[in-house]
Protein backbone atom coordinates (compact mmCIF):
# COMPACT_ATOMS: atom_id res chain seq x y z
CA MET A 1 -23.63 24.19 -93.87
CA LYS A 2 -21.95 26.96 -95.23
CA SER A 3 -21.38 29.34 -92.43
CA LEU A 4 -21.40 28.80 -88.64
CA LYS A 5 -21.24 31.51 -85.77
CA LEU A 6 -20.18 29.44 -82.50
CA GLY A 7 -19.84 31.73 -79.39
CA ILE A 8 -18.99 30.67 -75.79
CA ASP A 9 -20.43 32.58 -72.84
CA ALA A 10 -17.07 33.53 -70.74
CA VAL A 11 -14.17 31.75 -72.15
CA PRO A 12 -11.52 33.88 -70.03
CA TYR A 13 -8.60 34.09 -73.33
CA ARG A 14 -6.14 32.85 -70.61
CA VAL A 15 -7.45 29.58 -70.44
CA ILE A 16 -7.51 29.03 -74.41
CA GLU A 17 -3.79 30.72 -74.58
CA SER A 18 -2.89 27.67 -72.21
CA GLN A 19 -5.37 24.88 -74.05
CA TRP A 20 -4.45 26.08 -77.40
CA LYS A 21 -1.97 23.22 -78.28
CA LYS A 22 -4.29 20.24 -76.69
CA LEU A 23 -7.60 21.34 -79.13
CA HIS A 24 -6.29 19.06 -81.94
CA ASN A 25 -9.56 19.47 -83.82
CA ILE A 26 -10.22 23.27 -83.47
CA ARG A 27 -6.60 23.80 -84.43
CA GLY A 28 -7.06 21.77 -87.39
CA PHE A 29 -10.14 23.53 -88.42
CA PHE A 30 -8.32 26.37 -88.75
CA ASP A 31 -5.20 25.46 -90.18
CA LYS A 32 -2.73 25.96 -86.91
CA ARG A 33 -4.44 29.85 -86.82
CA LYS A 34 -4.21 31.48 -83.44
CA PRO A 35 -7.38 33.03 -81.80
CA LEU A 36 -6.77 36.90 -81.32
CA LEU A 37 -7.11 38.67 -77.99
CA LEU A 38 -10.73 39.84 -78.28
CA ILE A 39 -11.32 42.72 -76.38
CA SER A 40 -15.17 43.11 -74.40
CA ARG A 41 -17.52 45.87 -74.10
CA PHE A 42 -17.24 47.42 -70.24
CA PRO A 43 -19.46 46.38 -68.26
CA THR A 44 -18.73 43.10 -69.22
CA THR A 45 -21.63 41.32 -69.74
CA SER A 46 -23.07 38.88 -72.22
CA GLU A 47 -25.70 40.83 -73.97
CA TYR A 48 -24.62 43.91 -73.58
CA ALA A 49 -20.99 42.53 -75.29
CA VAL A 50 -22.34 41.02 -78.04
CA ALA A 51 -25.08 43.08 -79.10
CA PRO A 52 -22.95 45.67 -81.86
CA SER A 53 -21.87 42.25 -83.76
CA PHE A 54 -25.51 41.54 -84.45
CA GLY A 55 -25.94 45.13 -85.38
CA LEU A 56 -28.39 45.83 -82.43
CA THR A 57 -27.86 48.16 -80.16
CA SER A 58 -27.69 48.30 -76.57
CA THR A 59 -30.54 49.57 -74.38
CA SER A 60 -29.41 48.54 -71.44
CA TYR A 61 -26.14 46.60 -69.64
CA GLN A 62 -27.86 43.22 -68.50
CA ALA A 63 -30.74 41.03 -69.08
CA GLU A 64 -32.10 40.72 -65.45
CA LYS A 65 -33.28 44.69 -64.75
CA THR A 66 -32.44 47.92 -66.09
CA PHE A 67 -33.80 51.71 -66.23
CA SER A 68 -35.20 53.86 -67.93
CA ARG A 69 -34.42 57.37 -68.50
CA LYS A 70 -37.63 58.75 -69.65
CA THR A 71 -40.21 57.10 -66.96
CA GLN A 72 -37.62 57.37 -64.47
CA ARG A 73 -38.39 53.84 -63.19
CA THR A 74 -36.92 50.11 -63.38
CA ILE A 75 -38.12 47.99 -66.00
CA PHE A 76 -39.25 44.88 -64.51
CA TYR A 77 -37.44 41.30 -65.34
CA SER A 78 -40.76 39.77 -67.29
CA ARG A 79 -40.46 42.91 -69.91
CA LEU A 80 -36.52 42.82 -70.32
CA LEU A 81 -37.06 39.02 -70.27
CA TYR A 82 -39.01 39.04 -73.36
CA THR A 83 -36.25 41.75 -74.99
CA THR A 84 -33.29 39.03 -74.34
CA ARG A 85 -35.85 37.00 -76.03
CA ARG A 86 -36.71 38.80 -78.84
CA MET A 87 -32.76 39.57 -79.16
CA HIS A 88 -31.83 35.62 -79.14
CA GLY A 89 -34.42 34.88 -82.10
CA LEU A 90 -33.00 37.57 -83.85
CA ALA A 91 -29.14 36.99 -83.01
CA TYR A 92 -29.19 33.17 -83.25
CA SER A 93 -30.27 29.88 -84.68
CA ARG A 94 -30.12 28.26 -81.73
CA SER A 95 -29.63 29.80 -77.68
CA VAL A 96 -28.82 27.09 -75.28
CA PRO A 97 -30.15 26.60 -72.76
CA ASP A 98 -33.59 28.47 -74.35
CA TYR A 99 -33.94 31.51 -72.14
CA ASN A 100 -36.40 31.60 -69.54
CA ILE A 101 -36.84 31.44 -65.96
CA ILE A 102 -36.47 27.86 -65.08
CA SER A 103 -33.69 27.01 -67.78
CA TYR A 104 -31.98 30.13 -66.05
CA GLY A 105 -32.41 28.52 -62.08
CA LEU A 106 -31.33 25.27 -63.12
CA THR A 107 -28.26 26.16 -65.32
CA TYR A 108 -27.04 28.38 -62.37
CA ASN A 109 -27.44 25.60 -59.69
CA PHE A 110 -26.81 22.58 -61.88
CA PRO A 111 -24.27 23.78 -64.55
CA ASN A 112 -22.56 20.21 -65.47
CA THR A 113 -25.95 18.86 -65.76
CA VAL A 114 -27.20 21.64 -68.38
CA ILE A 115 -23.93 21.54 -70.57
CA ASP A 116 -24.61 17.68 -71.09
CA ARG A 117 -28.18 19.00 -72.40
CA ASP A 118 -26.64 21.89 -74.33
CA ILE A 119 -24.11 20.12 -75.97
CA ARG A 120 -26.63 17.25 -77.31
CA SER A 121 -28.46 20.34 -78.79
CA ILE A 122 -25.77 22.18 -80.57
CA LYS A 123 -24.71 18.15 -82.20
CA LYS A 124 -28.46 18.56 -83.33
CA GLU A 125 -28.56 21.66 -84.80
CA ILE A 126 -25.15 21.20 -86.69
CA SER A 127 -26.68 18.48 -87.84
CA ASN A 128 -30.06 19.90 -89.81
CA ASN A 129 -27.25 21.60 -92.31
CA LYS A 130 -28.78 24.65 -92.39
CA LYS A 131 -26.92 26.85 -94.98
CA ARG A 132 -26.20 29.78 -92.30
CA THR A 133 -26.19 28.63 -88.52
CA SER A 134 -25.73 30.74 -85.05
CA ILE A 135 -25.35 28.78 -82.13
CA TYR A 136 -24.66 30.41 -78.66
CA LEU A 137 -23.78 28.59 -75.56
CA SER A 138 -24.41 30.65 -72.39
CA SER A 139 -24.61 28.02 -69.69
CA SER A 140 -20.94 28.01 -69.66
CA ASP A 141 -20.73 31.27 -67.58
CA ALA A 142 -22.61 29.38 -65.27
CA LEU A 143 -19.81 26.68 -65.46
CA CYS A 144 -16.88 28.75 -64.81
CA HIS A 145 -18.71 31.28 -62.19
CA LYS A 146 -19.25 28.25 -59.98
CA PHE A 147 -16.03 26.03 -60.99
CA GLY A 148 -13.77 28.31 -62.67
CA ASP A 149 -11.02 27.67 -65.18
CA ALA A 150 -10.49 23.95 -64.54
CA ALA A 151 -14.06 23.50 -65.70
CA ILE A 152 -13.72 25.74 -69.15
CA LYS A 153 -10.92 23.67 -70.06
CA ASP A 154 -13.05 20.74 -69.73
CA LEU A 155 -15.89 22.08 -71.85
CA LEU A 156 -13.25 23.24 -74.45
CA ARG A 157 -11.63 19.46 -74.97
CA ARG A 158 -15.52 18.34 -75.39
CA VAL A 159 -16.19 21.46 -78.18
CA ASP A 160 -13.09 20.18 -79.63
CA GLN A 161 -13.85 16.28 -79.69
CA GLU A 162 -17.59 15.84 -79.70
CA ILE A 163 -18.61 19.19 -81.95
CA PHE A 164 -15.77 20.41 -84.29
CA PRO A 165 -15.75 16.72 -86.14
CA ASP A 166 -19.37 17.27 -86.81
CA ILE A 167 -18.77 20.31 -88.58
CA ASP A 168 -18.59 20.10 -92.52
CA PRO A 169 -15.07 20.90 -93.10
CA LYS A 170 -15.39 23.71 -96.14
CA CYS A 171 -18.02 25.87 -93.69
CA ASP A 172 -16.85 29.12 -93.06
CA VAL A 173 -16.71 29.09 -89.02
CA THR A 174 -16.12 31.88 -86.77
CA PHE A 175 -15.56 30.69 -82.73
CA TYR A 176 -15.77 33.24 -80.16
CA SER A 177 -16.58 34.24 -76.55
CA ASP A 178 -18.04 37.37 -75.17
CA HIS A 179 -16.16 38.34 -72.18
CA GLY A 180 -13.61 36.48 -69.40
CA MET A 181 -13.85 36.06 -65.85
CA SER A 182 -11.70 36.94 -62.88
CA ILE A 183 -11.23 34.31 -60.09
CA PRO A 184 -9.86 35.91 -56.70
CA ARG A 185 -6.89 34.65 -55.20
CA LYS A 186 -9.10 34.12 -51.71
CA LYS A 187 -11.95 32.12 -52.20
CA GLY A 188 -15.65 33.63 -51.92
CA LEU A 189 -16.76 36.83 -53.44
CA LYS A 190 -17.64 39.93 -50.95
CA ASN A 191 -20.49 42.17 -51.03
CA ILE A 192 -20.08 45.65 -51.51
CA TYR A 193 -23.28 48.00 -51.45
CA VAL A 194 -22.16 51.47 -52.32
CA GLU A 195 -25.78 52.54 -51.11
CA LYS A 196 -24.20 52.88 -47.87
CA ILE A 197 -21.74 55.73 -48.40
CA LEU A 198 -23.95 57.63 -50.36
CA GLU A 199 -26.62 57.28 -47.28
CA GLU A 200 -24.17 58.56 -44.98
CA ASN A 201 -23.88 61.82 -47.26
CA GLY A 202 -27.44 62.66 -47.69
CA PHE A 203 -28.69 61.14 -50.47
CA ARG A 204 -31.76 58.82 -50.40
CA ILE A 205 -31.38 55.16 -52.12
CA ARG A 206 -34.51 53.74 -54.03
CA SER A 207 -34.99 50.71 -55.51
CA SER A 208 -37.81 51.57 -58.23
CA SER A 209 -38.19 55.11 -59.45
CA LEU A 210 -36.85 58.44 -58.78
CA LYS A 211 -38.73 61.35 -57.56
CA ARG A 212 -36.31 64.02 -55.92
CA LYS A 213 -32.91 65.56 -57.09
CA ASN A 214 -31.20 63.47 -54.35
CA ASP A 215 -32.43 60.12 -54.73
CA ILE A 216 -30.09 57.70 -56.07
CA LEU A 217 -31.04 54.51 -57.59
CA THR A 218 -28.62 51.19 -58.14
CA ILE A 219 -29.06 48.47 -60.09
CA ARG A 220 -27.91 44.89 -58.43
CA SER A 221 -26.98 41.57 -59.74
CA GLY A 222 -25.73 39.27 -57.69
CA LEU A 223 -22.23 37.68 -59.41
CA LEU A 224 -21.13 40.92 -61.30
CA SER A 225 -18.29 42.84 -60.31
CA PHE A 226 -19.90 46.54 -61.98
CA SER A 227 -22.91 48.53 -60.15
CA GLN A 228 -25.03 51.23 -62.00
CA LEU A 229 -26.34 53.87 -60.49
CA TYR A 230 -29.16 56.65 -61.61
CA CYS A 231 -29.63 59.92 -60.81
CA HIS A 232 -32.80 61.63 -61.09
CA ARG A 233 -33.17 63.79 -64.13
CA SER A 234 -32.82 67.25 -62.24
CA ALA A 235 -29.23 66.20 -61.29
CA ASP A 236 -26.38 68.62 -61.95
CA ASP A 237 -22.99 67.94 -63.16
CA ARG A 238 -21.58 68.67 -59.68
CA MET A 239 -24.00 66.37 -57.62
CA LYS A 240 -22.57 63.37 -60.32
CA ARG A 241 -18.72 64.40 -59.88
CA ARG A 242 -19.39 64.38 -55.90
CA ILE A 243 -21.03 60.67 -55.69
CA THR A 244 -18.22 60.04 -58.06
CA ARG A 245 -15.56 60.93 -55.71
CA LEU A 246 -17.17 59.11 -52.66
CA ILE A 247 -17.59 56.04 -54.24
CA SER A 248 -13.99 56.11 -55.76
CA ASP A 249 -12.14 56.36 -52.50
CA GLU A 250 -13.92 53.15 -51.15
CA SER A 251 -11.27 50.30 -51.16
CA ALA A 252 -13.55 48.07 -53.22
CA VAL A 253 -13.68 50.08 -55.92
CA GLU A 254 -11.27 49.65 -58.71
CA LEU A 255 -12.75 53.02 -60.50
CA ALA A 256 -15.79 54.72 -60.67
CA ALA A 257 -16.98 56.93 -64.12
CA CYS A 258 -19.44 59.50 -64.70
CA ARG A 259 -21.16 61.23 -68.30
CA LEU A 260 -21.16 65.22 -67.73
CA SER A 261 -23.73 67.54 -69.66
CA ASP A 262 -21.02 68.29 -71.87
CA ARG A 263 -21.09 64.67 -72.81
CA SER A 264 -17.33 64.37 -71.41
CA ILE A 265 -16.36 61.51 -68.92
CA ILE A 266 -15.06 61.82 -65.39
CA VAL A 267 -12.92 58.92 -64.35
CA SER A 268 -11.76 59.03 -60.75
CA ASN A 269 -9.95 56.36 -57.98
CA ARG A 270 -7.90 56.44 -55.41
CA GLN A 271 -4.81 56.99 -57.47
CA GLY A 272 -6.30 59.86 -59.77
CA MET A 273 -8.82 61.36 -61.70
CA VAL A 274 -8.82 62.16 -65.84
CA ARG A 275 -11.59 63.47 -68.00
CA ILE A 276 -12.25 61.37 -71.06
CA THR A 277 -13.35 64.18 -74.49
CA LYS A 278 -14.34 63.04 -78.15
CA GLU A 279 -14.18 65.55 -80.69
CA GLY A 280 -14.91 64.01 -84.47
CA ASP A 281 -13.48 60.69 -84.79
CA ARG A 282 -10.62 61.80 -81.88
CA PHE A 283 -10.58 60.89 -77.82
CA SER A 284 -8.58 62.63 -75.45
CA CYS A 285 -7.42 61.72 -72.13
CA GLU A 286 -6.58 64.68 -69.85
CA SER A 287 -5.43 64.12 -66.44
CA LEU A 288 -6.60 66.13 -63.77
CA GLU A 289 -5.50 64.42 -60.37
CA GLY A 290 -2.70 62.38 -59.52
CA LYS A 291 -1.71 59.69 -61.78
CA PRO A 292 -2.59 59.27 -65.06
CA ILE A 293 -4.87 55.96 -64.10
CA LEU A 294 -6.20 54.97 -68.16
CA GLY A 295 -2.50 54.91 -69.29
CA LYS A 296 0.01 57.94 -70.46
CA LEU A 297 -2.21 59.06 -73.24
CA GLU A 298 -1.23 62.43 -74.44
CA GLY A 299 -2.56 64.12 -77.78
CA SER A 300 -5.94 63.18 -79.12
CA TYR A 301 -6.27 59.84 -80.36
CA THR A 302 -8.29 57.76 -83.52
CA ALA A 303 -10.33 54.74 -81.87
CA SER A 304 -7.74 52.54 -83.75
CA GLU A 305 -4.84 54.67 -82.16
CA LEU A 306 -6.37 54.14 -78.87
CA LEU A 307 -6.28 50.05 -79.67
CA ALA A 308 -2.66 50.45 -80.42
CA SER A 309 -2.01 51.81 -77.50
CA SER A 310 -3.46 50.77 -74.81
CA ALA A 311 -4.85 47.35 -75.52
CA ASP A 312 -2.17 45.70 -73.42
CA HIS A 313 -2.97 47.98 -70.26
CA ASN A 314 -4.32 46.97 -66.95
CA PHE A 315 -7.69 48.40 -68.11
CA PRO A 316 -7.70 47.31 -71.67
CA ASP A 317 -8.83 50.18 -73.83
CA ALA A 318 -10.11 52.19 -70.84
CA VAL A 319 -10.65 55.16 -73.12
CA HIS A 320 -12.73 53.91 -76.07
CA ARG A 321 -14.87 51.52 -73.72
CA LEU A 322 -15.62 53.88 -71.17
CA HIS A 323 -17.03 56.13 -73.62
CA ASP A 324 -18.86 53.60 -75.23
CA ALA A 325 -20.69 52.40 -72.39
CA PHE A 326 -21.71 55.84 -71.65
CA HIS A 327 -23.05 57.03 -75.45
CA GLY A 328 -23.67 53.36 -76.88
CA VAL A 329 -26.10 52.84 -74.66
CA LYS A 330 -29.62 54.13 -74.93
CA ASP A 331 -30.50 54.00 -71.07
CA HIS A 332 -26.56 54.75 -70.06
CA ALA A 333 -25.73 54.69 -66.40
CA ASP A 334 -24.96 58.18 -64.99
CA ILE A 335 -22.33 56.45 -62.72
CA LEU A 336 -20.93 53.27 -63.37
CA VAL A 337 -18.86 51.91 -60.92
CA SER A 338 -15.89 48.91 -61.90
CA LEU A 339 -15.24 46.55 -58.47
CA LYS A 340 -11.83 44.87 -58.14
CA ASP A 341 -11.19 41.31 -58.01
CA GLY A 342 -13.46 39.17 -55.24
CA TYR A 343 -15.99 41.95 -55.04
CA VAL A 344 -19.64 41.79 -56.56
CA SER A 345 -22.82 43.95 -56.41
CA GLY A 346 -25.89 41.98 -55.66
CA SER A 347 -28.66 42.14 -52.91
CA ALA A 348 -28.78 40.70 -49.77
CA LEU A 349 -31.01 37.94 -51.16
CA ILE A 350 -28.94 37.22 -54.32
CA ASN A 351 -25.71 36.96 -52.36
CA LEU A 352 -27.24 34.43 -49.85
CA ALA A 353 -28.47 32.59 -52.39
CA TYR A 354 -25.31 32.56 -55.31
CA ASN A 355 -22.44 33.35 -52.91
CA ARG A 356 -23.38 31.57 -49.07
CA LEU A 357 -25.35 28.00 -51.12
CA GLY A 358 -24.11 28.06 -54.34
CA LYS A 359 -20.17 28.62 -53.46
CA TYR A 360 -19.37 30.34 -56.62
CA ILE A 361 -15.53 31.60 -56.76
CA SER A 362 -15.59 33.70 -60.13
CA THR A 363 -17.00 37.14 -61.35
CA HIS A 364 -17.06 39.22 -64.34
CA GLY A 365 -18.44 42.77 -65.17
CA SER A 366 -15.47 45.09 -63.94
CA ILE A 367 -12.87 46.71 -66.48
CA SER A 368 -10.06 44.52 -65.30
CA LYS A 369 -7.84 42.70 -68.20
CA ASP A 370 -8.89 39.49 -66.62
CA CYS A 371 -12.84 39.88 -67.35
CA THR A 372 -12.12 41.96 -70.42
CA SER A 373 -9.93 39.54 -72.56
CA THR A 374 -11.82 36.54 -74.56
CA PHE A 375 -10.92 35.27 -77.73
CA ALA A 376 -12.40 35.36 -81.58
CA ILE A 377 -10.81 33.11 -84.63
CA SER A 378 -12.15 32.99 -87.76
CA ARG A 379 -11.56 31.39 -90.89
CA ASP A 380 -12.43 34.40 -92.65
CA LYS A 381 -9.47 36.65 -92.25
CA ASP A 382 -11.14 39.62 -93.53
CA ALA A 383 -13.66 39.00 -90.79
CA THR A 384 -10.59 39.74 -88.18
CA ASP A 385 -7.39 40.82 -89.42
CA PRO A 386 -8.40 44.86 -90.87
CA TYR A 387 -9.56 45.01 -87.25
CA CYS A 388 -6.42 43.69 -85.05
CA VAL A 389 -3.56 45.78 -84.01
CA GLU A 390 -0.48 43.19 -82.31
CA LYS A 391 1.93 43.75 -79.11
CA ASN A 392 4.20 41.30 -77.66
CA ARG A 393 3.33 38.43 -79.73
CA LYS A 394 -0.62 38.85 -79.59
CA ARG A 395 -3.45 40.33 -81.60
CA TYR A 396 -6.29 42.18 -80.57
CA MET A 397 -9.44 42.92 -81.42
CA ARG A 398 -12.29 45.07 -79.94
CA ILE A 399 -15.37 43.03 -79.80
CA ASN A 400 -17.46 45.32 -81.27
CA ASP A 401 -15.70 45.05 -84.82
CA LEU A 402 -16.43 41.34 -84.71
CA LYS A 403 -19.44 40.69 -87.31
CA LEU A 404 -21.84 37.77 -86.45
CA ARG A 405 -24.56 38.87 -88.59
CA HIS A 406 -25.42 36.51 -91.26
């Protein structure tokens, strides 16, 4: 084997940083190079996060369900399941578990059992000794959702002891994850319904299609700390700004953002409001009200200058990531909402199944540092070093710049 891309879903940077000295086989393999802090996309979801790394266009933010701006209707799970399978087929030699409804359900209810099977599958794939191999372990996401950092620490130990010894010492390896995880101080995840706020202010909430100007459609998922809202195609900027302001005033909301007709982005929360614009290759962030909620950014910045200026902010690299969220997705939302730690935006049924029965403790999706910060390390310095910035003895890099396609 000459080249291996090995991805593990949902490994927070804080976990691999704390365990790095204990991962002797992995450290030796990378000649004691340290993992860099990889900044995920917003929203911090798996397929969406890694799509640019494989040269794929993002059509939506998550796999389970999305909305077609052309037809003004939701795209059903079965159709998106095919799309996700196709992506995995293009991107990975082996994706474990195989992406189907049965394995999806088993993974999120019995993650430890599935992990055992998946590690055996990875070892078998490596033993095939193909020239180029891409492997992605997705069941670790369920492990972290259910058991938190301790389970990921144990998984990294197993990867160190059971997988890396099987890899050809001459192999060019890139080892990475797609996003982090947030574990709230209080146990349990609380469901928030932004729809109630909108209904109280005269909007009509829809579940499958938009037919009137005041219709709003939301896409919900049980364990994600963000929400996506779609407006009818006749909705104007004034209406979108009003919705954004209504939602951002809620105590559970970290921030809300909307895209306007001039391609600018309004970002708002209880502390302030800013406008993001882009002219050519330069970004600007203008404060409209209150505090500069995305950091003190005066003037205009290139993408690399933005990363250097805001990589260690509470909302890392937020200007670039929010612009990407509205301009780097085919069926982009009209309003995106990032929720605070401990809150999710899920249906009542999913909330019962995952939060009440499953007892899940962590989440991802938001723009926060914990959800955003993951890792990457490669034997090929040219694959990472040109895209890095260094601040406070850490190296930072955007996941968009990570090259995973063979």
